[in-house]
Amino acid sequence: MAHWYPDFGHAQGIGAAPWFSIRDGKVYPDFGHPQGIGAAPWFSIRDGKVYPDFGHPSPGRGVPWFKMR
């Protein structure tokens, strides 16, 4: 399982606790996230692109938000 941590460019600065966990191509809020651990995925990773998923608080699930290289 991979984890995402806030880094120096994040608005809230570097974080010691993971904000997101990646499991089976889905990205879930983890215990370090300000909203706490999430049961629903916020993002999905498909074909090298990151899409908002049904658990994300913002709309726009049909289009990718990030491209992984």
N, C-alpha and C. Protein backbone atom coordinates (compact mmCIF):
# COMPACT_ATOMS: atom_id res chain seq x y z
N MET A 1 0.84 -1.17 0.00
CA MET A 1 0.00 0.00 0.00
C MET A 1 0.89 1.24 0.00
N ALA A 2 0.57 2.17 -0.87
CA ALA A 2 1.30 3.43 -0.94
C ALA A 2 0.56 4.51 -0.16
N HIS A 3 1.29 5.52 0.28
CA HIS A 3 0.70 6.63 1.02
C HIS A 3 1.12 7.95 0.40
N TRP A 4 0.26 8.94 0.50
CA TRP A 4 0.57 10.30 0.06
C TRP A 4 0.67 11.18 1.30
N TYR A 5 1.77 11.94 1.39
CA TYR A 5 2.01 12.87 2.50
C TYR A 5 2.08 14.29 1.95
N PRO A 6 1.55 15.28 2.68
CA PRO A 6 1.74 16.66 2.25
C PRO A 6 3.23 17.01 2.26
N ASP A 7 3.65 17.77 1.26
CA ASP A 7 5.05 18.17 1.16
C ASP A 7 5.17 19.69 1.28
N PHE A 8 6.37 20.22 1.10
CA PHE A 8 6.62 21.64 1.36
C PHE A 8 5.77 22.57 0.50
N GLY A 9 5.32 22.13 -0.65
CA GLY A 9 4.49 22.98 -1.51
C GLY A 9 3.02 22.99 -1.13
N HIS A 10 2.63 22.12 -0.23
CA HIS A 10 1.22 22.05 0.20
C HIS A 10 0.87 23.29 1.02
N ALA A 11 -0.36 23.76 0.89
CA ALA A 11 -0.80 24.97 1.60
C ALA A 11 -0.65 24.84 3.12
N GLN A 12 -0.75 23.62 3.65
CA GLN A 12 -0.62 23.41 5.09
C GLN A 12 0.77 22.92 5.49
N GLY A 13 1.68 22.87 4.52
CA GLY A 13 3.06 22.50 4.82
C GLY A 13 3.29 21.00 4.87
N ILE A 14 4.50 20.64 5.21
CA ILE A 14 4.92 19.24 5.27
C ILE A 14 4.16 18.53 6.39
N GLY A 15 3.73 17.32 6.09
CA GLY A 15 2.99 16.54 7.09
C GLY A 15 3.70 15.25 7.43
N ALA A 16 3.63 14.85 8.69
CA ALA A 16 4.27 13.62 9.14
C ALA A 16 3.34 12.42 9.04
N ALA A 17 2.03 12.66 8.91
CA ALA A 17 1.05 11.58 8.82
C ALA A 17 0.48 11.55 7.40
N PRO A 18 0.19 10.34 6.89
CA PRO A 18 -0.32 10.25 5.52
C PRO A 18 -1.73 10.82 5.39
N TRP A 19 -1.92 11.59 4.35
CA TRP A 19 -3.24 12.14 4.07
C TRP A 19 -4.07 11.17 3.24
N PHE A 20 -3.41 10.38 2.39
CA PHE A 20 -4.13 9.44 1.53
C PHE A 20 -3.41 8.11 1.48
N SER A 21 -4.18 7.03 1.31
CA SER A 21 -3.66 5.68 1.08
C SER A 21 -4.18 5.19 -0.26
N ILE A 22 -3.32 4.47 -0.98
CA ILE A 22 -3.71 3.92 -2.28
C ILE A 22 -3.86 2.41 -2.13
N ARG A 23 -5.06 1.93 -2.42
CA ARG A 23 -5.35 0.50 -2.36
C ARG A 23 -6.13 0.10 -3.61
N ASP A 24 -5.59 -0.85 -4.36
CA ASP A 24 -6.27 -1.39 -5.54
C ASP A 24 -6.70 -0.30 -6.53
N GLY A 25 -5.83 0.69 -6.75
CA GLY A 25 -6.13 1.73 -7.72
C GLY A 25 -7.10 2.79 -7.23
N LYS A 26 -7.44 2.75 -5.96
CA LYS A 26 -8.34 3.75 -5.35
C LYS A 26 -7.57 4.51 -4.28
N VAL A 27 -7.86 5.79 -4.14
CA VAL A 27 -7.16 6.66 -3.19
C VAL A 27 -8.14 7.10 -2.11
N TYR A 28 -7.83 6.73 -0.86
CA TYR A 28 -8.71 6.99 0.28
C TYR A 28 -8.07 7.98 1.24
N PRO A 29 -8.87 8.88 1.86
CA PRO A 29 -8.33 9.72 2.91
C PRO A 29 -7.82 8.85 4.06
N ASP A 30 -6.66 9.18 4.60
CA ASP A 30 -6.04 8.40 5.67
C ASP A 30 -6.11 9.20 6.98
N PHE A 31 -5.54 8.67 8.05
CA PHE A 31 -5.69 9.25 9.38
C PHE A 31 -5.08 10.64 9.52
N GLY A 32 -4.14 11.01 8.65
CA GLY A 32 -3.55 12.33 8.72
C GLY A 32 -4.38 13.42 8.04
N HIS A 33 -5.36 13.02 7.26
CA HIS A 33 -6.19 13.98 6.54
C HIS A 33 -7.05 14.77 7.52
N PRO A 34 -7.22 16.10 7.30
CA PRO A 34 -8.02 16.91 8.22
C PRO A 34 -9.45 16.39 8.41
N GLN A 35 -10.00 15.71 7.42
CA GLN A 35 -11.36 15.17 7.54
C GLN A 35 -11.36 13.74 8.09
N GLY A 36 -10.18 13.21 8.36
CA GLY A 36 -10.08 11.87 8.93
C GLY A 36 -10.12 10.77 7.89
N ILE A 37 -10.10 9.56 8.37
CA ILE A 37 -10.11 8.38 7.51
C ILE A 37 -11.44 8.31 6.77
N GLY A 38 -11.38 8.00 5.50
CA GLY A 38 -12.59 7.89 4.69
C GLY A 38 -12.86 6.47 4.26
N ALA A 39 -14.13 6.09 4.28
CA ALA A 39 -14.53 4.76 3.84
C ALA A 39 -14.72 4.70 2.33
N ALA A 40 -14.94 5.87 1.70
CA ALA A 40 -15.15 5.93 0.25
C ALA A 40 -13.92 6.55 -0.41
N PRO A 41 -13.55 6.06 -1.58
CA PRO A 41 -12.37 6.61 -2.26
C PRO A 41 -12.64 8.01 -2.79
N TRP A 42 -11.63 8.86 -2.67
CA TRP A 42 -11.70 10.21 -3.22
C TRP A 42 -11.23 10.25 -4.66
N PHE A 43 -10.30 9.36 -5.02
CA PHE A 43 -9.76 9.32 -6.37
C PHE A 43 -9.63 7.88 -6.85
N SER A 44 -9.65 7.71 -8.17
CA SER A 44 -9.35 6.44 -8.83
C SER A 44 -8.19 6.68 -9.78
N ILE A 45 -7.31 5.69 -9.89
CA ILE A 45 -6.18 5.77 -10.80
C ILE A 45 -6.43 4.78 -11.93
N ARG A 46 -6.55 5.33 -13.15
CA ARG A 46 -6.80 4.49 -14.32
C ARG A 46 -5.95 4.98 -15.48
N ASP A 47 -5.21 4.08 -16.10
CA ASP A 47 -4.41 4.39 -17.29
C ASP A 47 -3.50 5.59 -17.10
N GLY A 48 -2.88 5.69 -15.91
CA GLY A 48 -1.94 6.76 -15.64
C GLY A 48 -2.57 8.11 -15.36
N LYS A 49 -3.89 8.12 -15.16
CA LYS A 49 -4.59 9.36 -14.85
C LYS A 49 -5.35 9.21 -13.54
N VAL A 50 -5.52 10.33 -12.83
CA VAL A 50 -6.18 10.34 -11.53
C VAL A 50 -7.52 11.07 -11.68
N TYR A 51 -8.60 10.34 -11.36
CA TYR A 51 -9.96 10.87 -11.48
C TYR A 51 -10.58 11.03 -10.09
N PRO A 52 -11.39 12.07 -9.87
CA PRO A 52 -12.14 12.14 -8.62
C PRO A 52 -13.14 10.98 -8.59
N ASP A 53 -13.33 10.38 -7.44
CA ASP A 53 -14.24 9.26 -7.28
C ASP A 53 -15.46 9.70 -6.47
N PHE A 54 -16.40 8.80 -6.23
CA PHE A 54 -17.67 9.16 -5.60
C PHE A 54 -17.54 9.68 -4.18
N GLY A 55 -16.43 9.43 -3.50
CA GLY A 55 -16.25 9.92 -2.14
C GLY A 55 -15.68 11.34 -2.07
N HIS A 56 -15.23 11.87 -3.20
CA HIS A 56 -14.62 13.21 -3.21
C HIS A 56 -15.69 14.27 -2.98
N PRO A 57 -15.39 15.28 -2.16
CA PRO A 57 -16.40 16.29 -1.86
C PRO A 57 -16.70 17.25 -3.01
N SER A 58 -15.86 17.32 -4.04
CA SER A 58 -16.10 18.21 -5.18
C SER A 58 -16.63 17.42 -6.36
N PRO A 59 -17.45 18.05 -7.19
CA PRO A 59 -17.96 17.35 -8.38
C PRO A 59 -16.89 17.23 -9.46
N GLY A 60 -17.22 16.56 -10.54
CA GLY A 60 -16.33 16.47 -11.69
C GLY A 60 -15.69 15.11 -11.87
N ARG A 61 -16.43 14.04 -11.62
CA ARG A 61 -15.85 12.70 -11.66
C ARG A 61 -15.50 12.22 -13.06
N GLY A 62 -16.07 12.81 -14.10
CA GLY A 62 -15.88 12.26 -15.43
C GLY A 62 -14.57 12.59 -16.11
N VAL A 63 -13.83 13.55 -15.58
CA VAL A 63 -12.60 13.98 -16.26
C VAL A 63 -11.42 13.83 -15.31
N PRO A 64 -10.22 13.51 -15.85
CA PRO A 64 -9.06 13.34 -14.99
C PRO A 64 -8.58 14.66 -14.41
N TRP A 65 -8.11 14.61 -13.17
CA TRP A 65 -7.56 15.79 -12.51
C TRP A 65 -6.04 15.83 -12.61
N PHE A 66 -5.41 14.65 -12.66
CA PHE A 66 -3.95 14.57 -12.69
C PHE A 66 -3.53 13.53 -13.71
N LYS A 67 -2.33 13.72 -14.26
CA LYS A 67 -1.72 12.75 -15.16
C LYS A 67 -0.43 12.30 -14.49
N MET A 68 -0.26 10.98 -14.34
CA MET A 68 0.94 10.44 -13.71
C MET A 68 1.98 10.16 -14.80
N ARG A 69 3.23 10.52 -14.53
CA ARG A 69 4.31 10.28 -15.50
C ARG A 69 5.43 9.54 -14.83
